[in-house]
């Protein structure tokens, strides 16, 4: 169980921020200094003290999708709508929330939506406390780290708290003149207090000399290092071994090295049981190799058992590794980057080691007959990391995979895969592959051919391959025209005109806009005529 040493001064600063309208408060400090722990514990305290407030917290890195800036806004809208309906018995229309995959609509809708939701009779003085932890860990896509998506103005009954490590994102926030609360490393006195509180909680005690030896080490100023070290000490069954264990831990220069030592101790503990040392290495390596974590029952279990590791051993491991993992909706991933670095250094030191574990994962995902959203994310990633370029080409050429990946969350992965393929394979381009497939008409069941064609053209435009995009746009236009979808035809014409304009073909773009205007006029005329006919029919 994790122990937190409350800091009344930090709590007071957060409390003061909540009491009056102000700009978002930024919590800034080095990795492992305790920003997340502060916010988790303060948020729980605030909920107890102010049950009338709505507290919505988002922890970036807690799940694969949590680092998408549009997903953060979408999730806040969902939680706020549900909270208002349940707690305040207010009719909040969740249908007004854009689709999760429509990033541009989410970003443009969010500020006004929050303002409207929080402004009905001032919600009986109800406040929204929004916490976003680790904003510097956002995926660097669509200028996310520049925070252009993050609203500059908030309703007066909304309080926002952000956390970040020093670096680019912290400087962006500083330019916005947001107030900043700096989290400093632990001083020696606080280290001693934490050591005593933590060990007392676990029924352990060190000598004064041992306490001072730990507290006096520079590494112990980092709360993550100190707590990880104390966790390891608590496991030590023989008191006489404490001096040796403390000495070994303090030889580690940073938390990643300390986790490496902890993994070594776990291996030693498992030496008496057949396969458990192997199970530990494989379990950690598989989680390291995944794109966004693995499920225990559906993915780790069959892979481990295929490698000769029975349930009795991997199930015990899952409990042992509980403190090193996070579990988000059944998906296990490492709780921080230091653990990931330790696993790589210890178990996957060479490129050959890393390629082998990626190949093991891609072999597992490739066995599935169904193309699920989970497979579409993991399989191409494993093929790319394992440098299986022909396999990756087969995977991303599957229109079911394209359909699942071409959205605001995953489209940059798809772009990256095709750029790698075009570098690694001769005469291989997304335009050539997709045009051939679309031309053959082999469209998977449940996918509308015309809509898929339009989306492929949009993707080619983003690569960018303007020639290929225009050719596929024209294919989509013909499909829409043949099915008398005039508004969709106009949509394609606008896309083509915009594409031509981007290439400096102004005259061609103007002609296309004229065609678009005519298509829209014809479509509207037909719609009005139909409405008139229907109206007369009921006179």
Protein backbone atom coordinates (compact mmCIF):
# COMPACT_ATOMS: atom_id res chain seq x y z
CA UNK A 1 0.00 0.00 0.00
CA UNK A 2 1.31 3.44 -0.93
CA UNK A 3 1.91 5.94 1.89
CA UNK A 4 1.63 9.69 1.36
CA UNK A 5 3.10 12.32 3.69
CA UNK A 6 0.70 15.29 3.53
CA UNK A 7 2.19 18.73 3.02
CA UNK A 8 -0.09 21.29 4.68
CA UNK A 9 1.54 24.18 2.86
CA UNK A 10 0.84 22.63 -0.56
CA UNK A 11 -2.69 21.69 0.47
CA UNK A 12 -3.30 25.27 1.60
CA UNK A 13 -2.12 26.67 -1.75
CA UNK A 14 -4.48 24.35 -3.61
CA UNK A 15 -7.36 25.19 -1.26
CA UNK A 16 -6.76 28.91 -1.77
CA UNK A 17 -6.79 28.46 -5.56
CA UNK A 18 -10.19 26.78 -5.38
CA UNK A 19 -11.77 29.49 -3.24
CA UNK A 20 -11.85 32.26 -5.85
CA UNK A 21 -11.96 32.55 -9.67
CA UNK A 22 -8.49 32.55 -11.20
CA UNK A 23 -6.39 31.20 -14.06
CA UNK A 24 -5.48 27.51 -14.01
CA UNK A 25 -2.91 26.61 -11.35
CA UNK A 26 0.19 24.77 -12.57
CA UNK A 27 1.90 22.20 -10.31
CA UNK A 28 5.48 21.90 -11.56
CA UNK A 29 8.33 19.68 -10.38
CA UNK A 30 10.84 17.03 -11.51
CA UNK A 31 9.78 13.49 -12.45
CA UNK A 32 9.09 11.41 -9.35
CA UNK A 33 8.85 14.38 -7.00
CA UNK A 34 5.27 13.54 -6.03
CA UNK A 35 3.01 15.72 -8.20
CA UNK A 36 0.56 12.91 -8.92
CA UNK A 37 0.50 11.76 -5.30
CA UNK A 38 -0.19 15.31 -4.16
CA UNK A 39 -3.13 15.67 -6.55
CA UNK A 40 -4.59 12.21 -5.83
CA UNK A 41 -4.58 12.81 -2.08
CA UNK A 42 -5.67 16.44 -2.25
CA UNK A 43 -8.55 15.54 -4.60
CA UNK A 44 -9.76 12.86 -2.15
CA UNK A 45 -9.51 15.36 0.70
CA UNK A 46 -11.37 18.03 -1.28
CA UNK A 47 -14.21 15.62 -2.13
CA UNK A 48 -14.60 14.88 1.59
CA UNK A 49 -14.54 18.54 2.61
CA UNK A 50 -16.64 19.86 -0.30
CA UNK A 51 -19.09 17.16 -1.42
CA UNK A 52 -21.06 19.87 -3.25
CA UNK A 53 -18.23 20.29 -5.79
CA UNK A 54 -17.78 18.19 -8.92
CA UNK A 55 -14.21 16.90 -9.09
CA UNK A 56 -13.14 15.53 -12.48
CA UNK A 57 -9.57 14.22 -12.62
CA UNK A 58 -7.68 12.96 -15.65
CA UNK A 59 -4.36 11.14 -15.21
CA UNK A 60 -2.38 11.20 -18.46
CA UNK A 61 -0.60 7.89 -18.97
CA UNK A 62 -3.11 5.87 -16.94
CA UNK A 63 -4.47 4.26 -20.13
CA UNK A 64 -3.47 4.08 -23.82
CA UNK A 65 -5.97 6.75 -24.88
CA UNK A 66 -5.38 9.05 -21.89
CA UNK A 67 -2.56 10.94 -23.65
CA UNK A 68 -4.77 12.20 -26.49
CA UNK A 69 -5.70 15.85 -25.96
CA UNK A 70 -9.07 15.49 -27.70
CA UNK A 71 -9.88 12.41 -25.60
CA UNK A 72 -9.22 14.43 -22.42
CA UNK A 73 -11.79 17.05 -23.42
CA UNK A 74 -14.28 14.41 -24.55
CA UNK A 75 -13.94 12.48 -21.29
CA UNK A 76 -14.39 15.65 -19.21
CA UNK A 77 -17.62 16.39 -21.12
CA UNK A 78 -18.89 12.85 -20.56
CA UNK A 79 -18.10 12.85 -16.85
CA UNK A 80 -19.49 16.33 -16.32
CA UNK A 81 -22.75 15.42 -18.10
CA UNK A 82 -23.15 12.24 -16.05
CA UNK A 83 -22.31 14.01 -12.79
CA UNK A 84 -24.82 16.77 -13.46
CA UNK A 85 -27.56 14.27 -14.21
CA UNK A 86 -26.87 12.07 -11.18
CA UNK A 87 -25.94 14.65 -8.53
CA UNK A 88 -27.95 17.68 -9.53
CA UNK A 89 -30.83 15.92 -11.31
CA UNK A 90 -30.32 18.25 -14.27
CA UNK A 91 -31.17 17.39 -17.83
CA UNK A 92 -27.78 17.56 -19.60
CA UNK A 93 -28.00 16.46 -23.21
CA UNK A 94 -25.11 14.01 -23.77
CA UNK A 95 -26.11 13.76 -27.44
CA UNK A 96 -24.68 17.25 -27.88
CA UNK A 97 -21.22 15.86 -27.14
CA UNK A 98 -19.30 15.18 -30.39
CA UNK A 99 -18.17 11.71 -31.35
CA UNK A 100 -15.07 10.55 -29.48
CA UNK A 101 -13.10 10.28 -32.74
CA UNK A 102 -14.01 13.73 -34.08
CA UNK A 103 -11.12 15.73 -32.60
CA UNK A 104 -11.82 19.03 -34.35
CA UNK A 105 -15.48 19.01 -33.30
CA UNK A 106 -14.54 18.20 -29.70
CA UNK A 107 -12.00 21.03 -29.50
CA UNK A 108 -14.32 23.61 -31.04
CA UNK A 109 -17.36 22.53 -29.00
CA UNK A 110 -15.73 22.08 -25.58
CA UNK A 111 -15.42 25.70 -24.27
CA UNK A 112 -18.99 26.71 -25.09
CA UNK A 113 -20.40 23.35 -23.95
CA UNK A 114 -18.75 23.63 -20.51
CA UNK A 115 -19.88 27.24 -20.20
CA UNK A 116 -23.50 26.28 -20.95
CA UNK A 117 -23.50 23.27 -18.63
CA UNK A 118 -22.01 25.22 -15.72
CA UNK A 119 -24.10 28.35 -16.24
CA UNK A 120 -27.67 27.19 -15.54
CA UNK A 121 -28.55 29.29 -12.46
CA UNK A 122 -24.84 29.01 -11.66
CA UNK A 123 -25.60 25.35 -10.96
CA UNK A 124 -26.73 26.25 -7.42
CA UNK A 125 -23.20 27.54 -6.75
CA UNK A 126 -21.77 24.18 -7.71
CA UNK A 127 -18.14 24.31 -8.79
CA UNK A 128 -16.28 22.11 -11.21
CA UNK A 129 -12.75 21.25 -10.12
CA UNK A 130 -10.85 19.92 -13.13
CA UNK A 131 -7.49 18.21 -12.57
CA UNK A 132 -5.24 17.21 -15.48
CA UNK A 133 -2.11 15.44 -14.27
CA UNK A 134 0.98 15.09 -16.49
CA UNK A 135 0.02 17.46 -19.29
CA UNK A 136 3.61 17.29 -20.55
CA UNK A 137 3.03 13.57 -21.34
CA UNK A 138 0.55 14.32 -24.12
CA UNK A 139 1.14 12.68 -27.48
CA UNK A 140 2.96 15.26 -29.60
CA UNK A 141 0.34 15.39 -32.36
CA UNK A 142 -1.56 18.31 -33.89
CA UNK A 143 0.61 20.71 -31.85
CA UNK A 144 -0.88 19.25 -28.66
CA UNK A 145 2.11 20.29 -26.53
CA UNK A 146 1.63 23.91 -27.67
CA UNK A 147 -1.76 23.71 -25.88
CA UNK A 148 -3.63 25.48 -28.68
CA UNK A 149 -6.52 23.12 -27.86
CA UNK A 150 -6.59 24.14 -24.19
CA UNK A 151 -9.17 26.90 -23.49
CA UNK A 152 -7.73 30.25 -22.40
CA UNK A 153 -10.94 31.25 -20.61
CA UNK A 154 -13.06 29.24 -18.17
CA UNK A 155 -16.43 29.94 -16.49
CA UNK A 156 -16.06 31.58 -13.08
CA UNK A 157 -17.33 28.48 -11.27
CA UNK A 158 -14.67 26.24 -12.86
CA UNK A 159 -11.26 25.73 -11.24
CA UNK A 160 -8.47 24.05 -13.17
CA UNK A 161 -5.28 22.45 -11.81
CA UNK A 162 -2.58 21.14 -14.14
CA UNK A 163 0.67 19.32 -13.42
CA UNK A 164 3.81 19.14 -15.53
CA UNK A 165 7.51 18.44 -15.30
CA UNK A 166 9.94 21.23 -16.25
CA UNK A 167 10.41 21.53 -20.00
CA UNK A 168 8.65 22.69 -23.13
CA UNK A 169 5.07 22.43 -21.87
CA UNK A 170 5.94 24.19 -18.61
CA UNK A 171 7.34 27.10 -20.66
CA UNK A 172 4.15 27.27 -22.76
CA UNK A 173 2.10 27.50 -19.56
CA UNK A 174 4.45 30.12 -18.17
CA UNK A 175 3.86 32.28 -21.27
CA UNK A 176 0.15 32.20 -20.47
CA UNK A 177 1.04 33.76 -17.09
CA UNK A 178 -0.64 30.96 -15.14
CA UNK A 179 0.28 30.88 -11.43
CA UNK A 180 2.75 28.08 -10.66
CA UNK A 181 3.27 26.00 -7.53
CA UNK A 182 6.77 24.52 -7.54
CA UNK A 183 7.19 21.11 -5.88
CA UNK A 184 10.66 20.84 -4.42
CA UNK A 185 12.55 17.61 -3.68
CA UNK A 186 12.32 16.41 -0.08
CA UNK A 187 14.68 18.04 2.37
CA UNK A 188 16.47 15.85 4.90
CA UNK A 189 13.97 16.47 7.68
CA UNK A 190 11.02 15.46 5.49
CA UNK A 191 12.91 12.37 4.35
CA UNK A 192 13.32 11.22 7.98
CA UNK A 193 9.61 11.87 8.67
CA UNK A 194 8.59 9.91 5.60
CA UNK A 195 10.93 7.00 6.44
CA UNK A 196 9.49 6.68 9.95
CA UNK A 197 5.86 7.02 8.86
CA UNK A 198 6.22 4.55 6.02
CA UNK A 199 8.01 1.88 8.04
CA UNK A 200 5.63 2.30 11.01
CA UNK A 201 2.72 1.74 8.67
CA UNK A 202 4.29 -1.60 7.71
CA UNK A 203 5.33 -2.54 11.25
CA UNK A 204 9.03 -2.02 10.51
CA UNK A 205 11.74 0.09 12.07
CA UNK A 206 15.32 1.06 11.26
CA UNK A 207 18.09 2.12 13.57
CA UNK A 208 18.75 5.83 13.82
CA UNK A 209 22.03 5.28 11.96
CA UNK A 210 20.22 3.52 9.10
CA UNK A 211 17.59 6.27 8.95
CA UNK A 212 20.23 8.97 8.71
CA UNK A 213 22.19 6.98 6.11
CA UNK A 214 19.12 6.85 3.85
CA UNK A 215 17.93 10.39 4.55
CA UNK A 216 21.40 11.79 3.89
CA UNK A 217 21.60 10.26 0.38
CA UNK A 218 20.98 12.69 -2.47
CA UNK A 219 18.80 10.15 -4.34
CA UNK A 220 16.37 10.04 -1.39
CA UNK A 221 15.30 13.62 -2.16
CA UNK A 222 13.16 12.06 -4.92
CA UNK A 223 9.99 10.65 -3.26
CA UNK A 224 9.67 7.90 -5.87
CA UNK A 225 13.21 6.68 -5.18
CA UNK A 226 12.70 6.85 -1.42
CA UNK A 227 9.37 5.02 -1.42
CA UNK A 228 10.62 2.32 -3.79
CA UNK A 229 13.63 1.78 -1.55
CA UNK A 230 11.48 1.55 1.58
CA UNK A 231 9.12 -0.91 -0.13
CA UNK A 232 12.10 -3.14 -0.82
CA UNK A 233 13.32 -2.81 2.76
CA UNK A 234 9.91 -3.85 4.12
CA UNK A 235 10.14 -7.15 2.23
CA UNK A 236 13.45 -8.00 3.89
CA UNK A 237 12.63 -10.76 6.39
CA UNK A 238 16.02 -10.96 8.13
CA UNK A 239 16.90 -7.87 10.15
CA UNK A 240 20.61 -8.55 9.79
CA UNK A 241 20.32 -8.18 6.01
CA UNK A 242 19.05 -4.60 6.27
CA UNK A 243 22.47 -2.97 6.26
CA UNK A 244 23.42 -4.84 3.11
CA UNK A 245 20.11 -4.01 1.40
CA UNK A 246 20.35 -0.30 2.30
CA UNK A 247 23.92 -0.19 1.03
CA UNK A 248 22.96 -1.87 -2.25
CA UNK A 249 20.03 0.47 -2.81
CA UNK A 250 22.10 3.59 -2.22
CA UNK A 251 24.58 2.49 -4.88
CA UNK A 252 21.80 3.12 -7.42
CA UNK A 253 22.19 6.53 -9.03
CA UNK A 254 18.51 6.95 -9.89
CA UNK A 255 15.10 5.31 -9.60
CA UNK A 256 15.47 3.30 -12.83
CA UNK A 257 18.62 1.65 -11.45
CA UNK A 258 16.81 1.00 -8.18
CA UNK A 259 13.95 -0.74 -10.01
CA UNK A 260 16.59 -2.82 -11.80
CA UNK A 261 17.86 -3.94 -8.40
CA UNK A 262 14.30 -4.73 -7.26
CA UNK A 263 13.78 -6.92 -10.33
CA UNK A 264 16.99 -8.75 -9.47
CA UNK A 265 15.72 -9.37 -5.95
CA UNK A 266 12.42 -10.70 -7.31
CA UNK A 267 14.35 -13.08 -9.57
CA UNK A 268 16.31 -14.31 -6.57
CA UNK A 269 13.11 -14.85 -4.58
CA UNK A 270 11.78 -17.02 -7.40
CA UNK A 271 14.90 -19.13 -7.91
CA UNK A 272 13.46 -21.99 -5.88
CA UNK A 273 10.39 -22.30 -8.12
CA UNK A 274 10.78 -23.74 -11.59
CA UNK A 275 10.14 -21.23 -14.40
CA UNK A 276 9.29 -18.30 -12.12
CA UNK A 277 12.47 -16.42 -12.93
CA UNK A 278 11.72 -16.94 -16.62
CA UNK A 279 8.10 -15.94 -16.03
CA UNK A 280 9.14 -12.66 -14.42
CA UNK A 281 11.41 -11.76 -17.33
CA UNK A 282 8.83 -12.70 -19.95
CA UNK A 283 5.91 -11.04 -18.14
CA UNK A 284 7.76 -7.72 -17.82
CA UNK A 285 9.18 -7.92 -21.36
CA UNK A 286 5.74 -8.47 -22.89
CA UNK A 287 4.27 -5.45 -21.09
CA UNK A 288 7.31 -3.39 -22.18
CA UNK A 289 6.82 -4.41 -25.82
CA UNK A 290 3.11 -3.61 -26.00
CA UNK A 291 1.91 -0.33 -27.44
CA UNK A 292 -0.47 0.48 -24.62
CA UNK A 293 -0.37 -2.42 -22.17
CA UNK A 294 -1.79 -5.96 -22.24
CA UNK A 295 -4.79 -7.65 -20.66
CA UNK A 296 -3.93 -10.35 -18.15
CA UNK A 297 -6.57 -12.93 -19.02
CA UNK A 298 -6.95 -12.42 -22.77
CA UNK A 299 -3.37 -11.69 -23.83
CA UNK A 300 -0.67 -12.29 -21.20
CA UNK A 301 -2.18 -15.58 -20.02
CA UNK A 302 -2.23 -17.40 -23.40
CA UNK A 303 1.20 -16.07 -24.39
CA UNK A 304 2.81 -17.11 -21.09
CA UNK A 305 1.16 -20.53 -21.19
CA UNK A 306 2.31 -21.02 -24.80
CA UNK A 307 5.84 -20.51 -23.49
CA UNK A 308 5.43 -23.25 -20.86
CA UNK A 309 4.51 -21.04 -17.89
CA UNK A 310 1.41 -22.38 -16.06
CA UNK A 311 -1.31 -20.28 -14.44
CA UNK A 312 -0.07 -21.04 -10.91
CA UNK A 313 3.13 -19.16 -11.66
CA UNK A 314 1.96 -16.19 -13.77
CA UNK A 315 -1.00 -15.51 -11.45
CA UNK A 316 1.37 -15.27 -8.48
CA UNK A 317 3.54 -12.90 -10.52
CA UNK A 318 0.64 -10.58 -11.24
CA UNK A 319 0.26 -10.06 -7.48
CA UNK A 320 3.98 -9.56 -6.92
CA UNK A 321 4.16 -6.96 -9.71
CA UNK A 322 1.01 -5.15 -8.59
CA UNK A 323 2.94 -2.17 -7.18
CA UNK A 324 4.82 -1.74 -10.48
CA UNK A 325 1.75 -1.81 -12.71
CA UNK A 326 -1.39 0.19 -13.38
CA UNK A 327 -4.62 -1.53 -14.35
CA UNK A 328 -6.91 0.46 -16.62
CA UNK A 329 -10.06 -1.44 -17.61
CA UNK A 330 -8.13 -4.70 -17.41
CA UNK A 331 -5.11 -3.48 -19.40
CA UNK A 332 -1.82 -3.73 -17.47
CA UNK A 333 0.99 -1.24 -18.10
CA UNK A 334 3.94 0.07 -16.11
CA UNK A 335 3.07 2.72 -13.56
CA UNK A 336 5.97 4.98 -14.58
CA UNK A 337 8.78 5.37 -17.12
CA UNK A 338 11.50 4.42 -14.60
CA UNK A 339 10.13 0.86 -14.41
CA UNK A 340 10.01 0.66 -18.19
CA UNK A 341 13.65 1.81 -18.40
CA UNK A 342 14.68 -0.79 -15.79
CA UNK A 343 12.95 -3.64 -17.68
CA UNK A 344 14.62 -2.63 -20.94
CA UNK A 345 18.06 -2.38 -19.34
CA UNK A 346 17.75 -5.70 -17.55
CA UNK A 347 15.87 -7.95 -19.96
CA UNK A 348 16.06 -6.31 -23.39
CA UNK A 349 19.51 -4.72 -23.68
CA UNK A 350 20.06 -5.46 -27.39
CA UNK A 351 18.09 -4.72 -30.56
CA UNK A 352 17.87 -8.47 -31.17
CA UNK A 353 16.22 -8.99 -27.75
CA UNK A 354 13.69 -6.25 -28.44
CA UNK A 355 12.88 -7.50 -31.94
CA UNK A 356 12.35 -11.03 -30.58
CA UNK A 357 9.77 -9.95 -27.99
CA UNK A 358 7.94 -7.85 -30.59
CA UNK A 359 7.86 -10.85 -32.92
CA UNK A 360 6.38 -12.99 -30.14
CA UNK A 361 3.60 -10.47 -29.64
CA UNK A 362 2.88 -10.03 -33.33
CA UNK A 363 2.68 -13.83 -33.75
CA UNK A 364 0.06 -13.89 -31.00
CA UNK A 365 -2.07 -11.08 -32.42
CA UNK A 366 -1.78 -12.48 -35.93
CA UNK A 367 -3.57 -15.67 -34.87
CA UNK A 368 -6.85 -13.80 -34.44
CA UNK A 369 -9.39 -14.20 -37.22
CA UNK A 370 -11.28 -11.03 -36.27
CA UNK A 371 -9.97 -7.52 -36.86
CA UNK A 372 -10.87 -5.77 -33.61
CA UNK A 373 -9.99 -2.23 -32.53
CA UNK A 374 -7.49 -3.74 -30.08
CA UNK A 375 -5.78 -5.81 -32.80
CA UNK A 376 -5.71 -2.87 -35.22
CA UNK A 377 -3.71 -0.87 -32.66
CA UNK A 378 -1.30 -3.58 -31.47
CA UNK A 379 -0.56 -5.75 -34.52
CA UNK A 380 0.87 -3.09 -36.88
CA UNK A 381 2.86 -1.62 -33.99
CA UNK A 382 4.45 -5.01 -33.25
CA UNK A 383 5.22 -5.61 -36.93
CA UNK A 384 6.85 -2.17 -37.25
CA UNK A 385 8.89 -2.55 -34.06
CA UNK A 386 9.98 -6.02 -35.13
CA UNK A 387 10.87 -4.59 -38.57
CA UNK A 388 8.71 -7.11 -40.42
CA UNK A 389 8.01 -4.78 -43.35
CA UNK A 390 6.19 -7.25 -45.65
CA UNK A 391 3.99 -8.25 -42.71
CA UNK A 392 3.30 -4.60 -41.89
CA UNK A 393 2.36 -3.94 -45.53
CA UNK A 394 -0.16 -6.79 -45.48
CA UNK A 395 -1.59 -5.52 -42.22
CA UNK A 396 -2.13 -1.84 -43.11
CA UNK A 397 -3.35 -2.82 -46.60
CA UNK A 398 -6.33 -4.49 -44.93
CA UNK A 399 -9.19 -2.01 -45.29
CA UNK A 400 -10.61 -3.14 -41.93
CA UNK A 401 -7.38 -2.00 -40.25
CA UNK A 402 -7.46 1.28 -42.17
CA UNK A 403 -11.07 1.87 -41.11
CA UNK A 404 -10.18 1.35 -37.43
CA UNK A 405 -6.98 3.40 -37.46
CA UNK A 406 -7.95 6.43 -39.54
CA UNK A 407 -9.33 8.61 -36.78
CA UNK A 408 -8.05 11.47 -34.64
CA UNK A 409 -6.57 9.07 -32.07
CA UNK A 410 -4.61 6.65 -34.27
CA UNK A 411 -4.16 8.25 -37.71
CA UNK A 412 -0.63 9.44 -36.93
CA UNK A 413 0.39 5.85 -36.23
CA UNK A 414 -1.00 4.91 -39.65
CA UNK A 415 0.93 7.77 -41.25
CA UNK A 416 4.13 6.64 -39.54
CA UNK A 417 3.68 3.04 -40.70
CA UNK A 418 3.30 4.08 -44.33
CA UNK A 419 6.31 6.42 -44.18
CA UNK A 420 8.41 3.54 -42.86
CA UNK A 421 7.09 1.21 -45.57
CA UNK A 422 7.83 3.70 -48.34
CA UNK A 423 11.42 3.94 -47.05
CA UNK A 424 11.93 0.21 -46.60
CA UNK A 425 10.13 -1.30 -49.62
CA UNK A 426 10.79 -0.39 -53.24
CA UNK A 427 7.90 1.08 -55.26
CA UNK A 428 5.57 0.82 -52.27
CA UNK A 429 3.24 3.78 -51.72
CA UNK A 430 -0.02 4.13 -49.84
CA UNK A 431 -1.59 5.74 -52.91
CA UNK A 432 -0.74 2.83 -55.20
CA UNK A 433 -1.81 0.14 -52.71
CA UNK A 434 -5.10 1.73 -51.65
CA UNK A 435 -6.09 2.80 -55.20
CA UNK A 436 -5.65 -0.78 -56.41
CA UNK A 437 -7.71 -2.20 -53.54
CA UNK A 438 -10.50 0.34 -53.97
CA UNK A 439 -10.56 -0.20 -57.71
CA UNK A 440 -10.97 -3.94 -57.20
CA UNK A 441 -14.00 -3.23 -55.01
CA UNK A 442 -13.05 -5.76 -52.33
CA UNK A 443 -14.66 -3.82 -49.49
CA UNK A 444 -15.21 -5.63 -46.15
CA UNK A 445 -18.83 -6.14 -45.04
CA UNK A 446 -20.29 -3.30 -43.00
CA UNK A 447 -18.14 -0.59 -44.63
CA UNK A 448 -19.69 1.78 -47.19
CA UNK A 449 -17.45 1.85 -50.26
CA UNK A 450 -18.02 5.52 -51.15
CA UNK A 451 -17.38 6.75 -47.58
CA UNK A 452 -14.28 4.56 -47.23
CA UNK A 453 -12.96 5.91 -50.56
CA UNK A 454 -13.42 9.49 -49.39
CA UNK A 455 -11.58 8.74 -46.13
CA UNK A 456 -8.68 7.12 -48.01
CA UNK A 457 -8.41 10.25 -50.17
CA UNK A 458 -8.35 12.42 -47.02
CA UNK A 459 -5.60 10.21 -45.60
CA UNK A 460 -3.51 10.49 -48.79
CA UNK A 461 -3.90 14.27 -48.60
CA UNK A 462 -2.44 14.18 -45.08
CA UNK A 463 0.60 12.07 -46.06
CA UNK A 464 0.81 14.30 -48.28
CA UNK A 465 0.32 12.72 -51.69
CA UNK A 466 -1.76 15.31 -53.57
CA UNK A 467 -1.79 13.48 -56.90
CA UNK A 468 -2.92 10.23 -55.32
CA UNK A 469 -5.45 12.05 -53.14
CA UNK A 470 -7.07 13.81 -56.11
CA UNK A 471 -7.34 10.54 -58.03
CA UNK A 472 -9.10 8.82 -55.10
CA UNK A 473 -11.31 11.86 -54.42
CA UNK A 474 -12.53 11.60 -58.05
CA UNK A 475 -13.25 7.92 -57.47
CA UNK A 476 -15.31 8.83 -54.39
CA UNK A 477 -17.13 11.53 -56.37
CA UNK A 478 -18.19 9.03 -59.03
CA UNK A 479 -19.48 6.63 -56.38
CA UNK A 480 -21.53 9.35 -54.70
CA UNK A 481 -22.82 10.64 -58.04
CA UNK A 482 -23.88 7.18 -59.15
CA UNK A 483 -25.93 6.82 -55.97
CA UNK A 484 -27.43 10.35 -56.35
CA UNK A 485 -25.87 11.65 -53.13
CA UNK A 486 -25.54 15.25 -54.33
CA UNK A 487 -24.53 16.76 -51.00
CA UNK A 488 -21.73 14.20 -50.74
CA UNK A 489 -20.68 15.07 -54.30
CA UNK A 490 -20.44 18.71 -53.27
CA UNK A 491 -18.40 17.69 -50.23
CA UNK A 492 -15.90 15.93 -52.49
CA UNK A 493 -15.75 18.92 -54.87
CA UNK A 494 -14.91 21.21 -51.95
CA UNK A 495 -12.18 18.80 -50.83
CA UNK A 496 -10.71 18.71 -54.35
CA UNK A 497 -10.85 22.50 -54.69
CA UNK A 498 -9.06 22.89 -51.34
CA UNK A 499 -6.47 20.34 -52.46
CA UNK A 500 -5.86 22.23 -55.72
CA UNK A 501 -5.57 25.52 -53.86
CA UNK A 502 -2.94 24.00 -51.54
CA UNK A 503 -0.88 23.18 -54.66
CA UNK A 504 -1.17 26.75 -55.97
CA UNK A 505 -3.55 25.75 -58.77
CA UNK A 506 -5.85 28.72 -58.23
CA UNK A 507 -7.67 28.63 -61.59
CA UNK A 508 -8.42 24.90 -61.28
CA UNK A 509 -9.59 25.44 -57.71
CA UNK A 510 -11.96 28.22 -58.81
CA UNK A 511 -13.47 26.01 -61.49
CA UNK A 512 -14.02 23.26 -58.95
CA UNK A 513 -15.71 25.72 -56.57
CA UNK A 514 -18.05 26.71 -59.42
CA UNK A 515 -18.93 23.05 -59.94
CA UNK A 516 -19.55 22.76 -56.20
CA UNK A 517 -21.88 25.76 -56.19
CA UNK A 518 -23.87 24.27 -59.06
CA UNK A 519 -24.10 20.85 -57.33
CA UNK A 520 -25.32 22.47 -54.10
CA UNK A 521 -27.87 24.63 -55.95
CA UNK A 522 -29.22 21.60 -57.79
CA UNK A 523 -29.36 19.57 -54.58
CA UNK A 524 -31.21 22.33 -52.72
CA UNK A 525 -33.62 22.84 -55.64
CA UNK A 526 -34.49 19.16 -55.69
CA UNK A 527 -34.95 19.16 -51.92
CA UNK A 528 -37.29 22.20 -52.09
CA UNK A 529 -39.25 20.67 -54.96
CA UNK A 530 -39.70 17.44 -53.03
CA UNK A 531 -40.84 19.37 -49.95
CA UNK A 532 -43.37 21.28 -52.07
CA UNK A 533 -44.73 18.08 -53.60
CA UNK A 534 -45.12 16.52 -50.15
CA UNK A 535 -46.79 19.66 -48.81
CA UNK A 536 -49.30 19.75 -51.68
CA UNK A 537 -50.01 16.06 -51.23
CA UNK A 538 -51.40 16.73 -47.77
CA UNK A 539 -53.46 19.83 -48.67
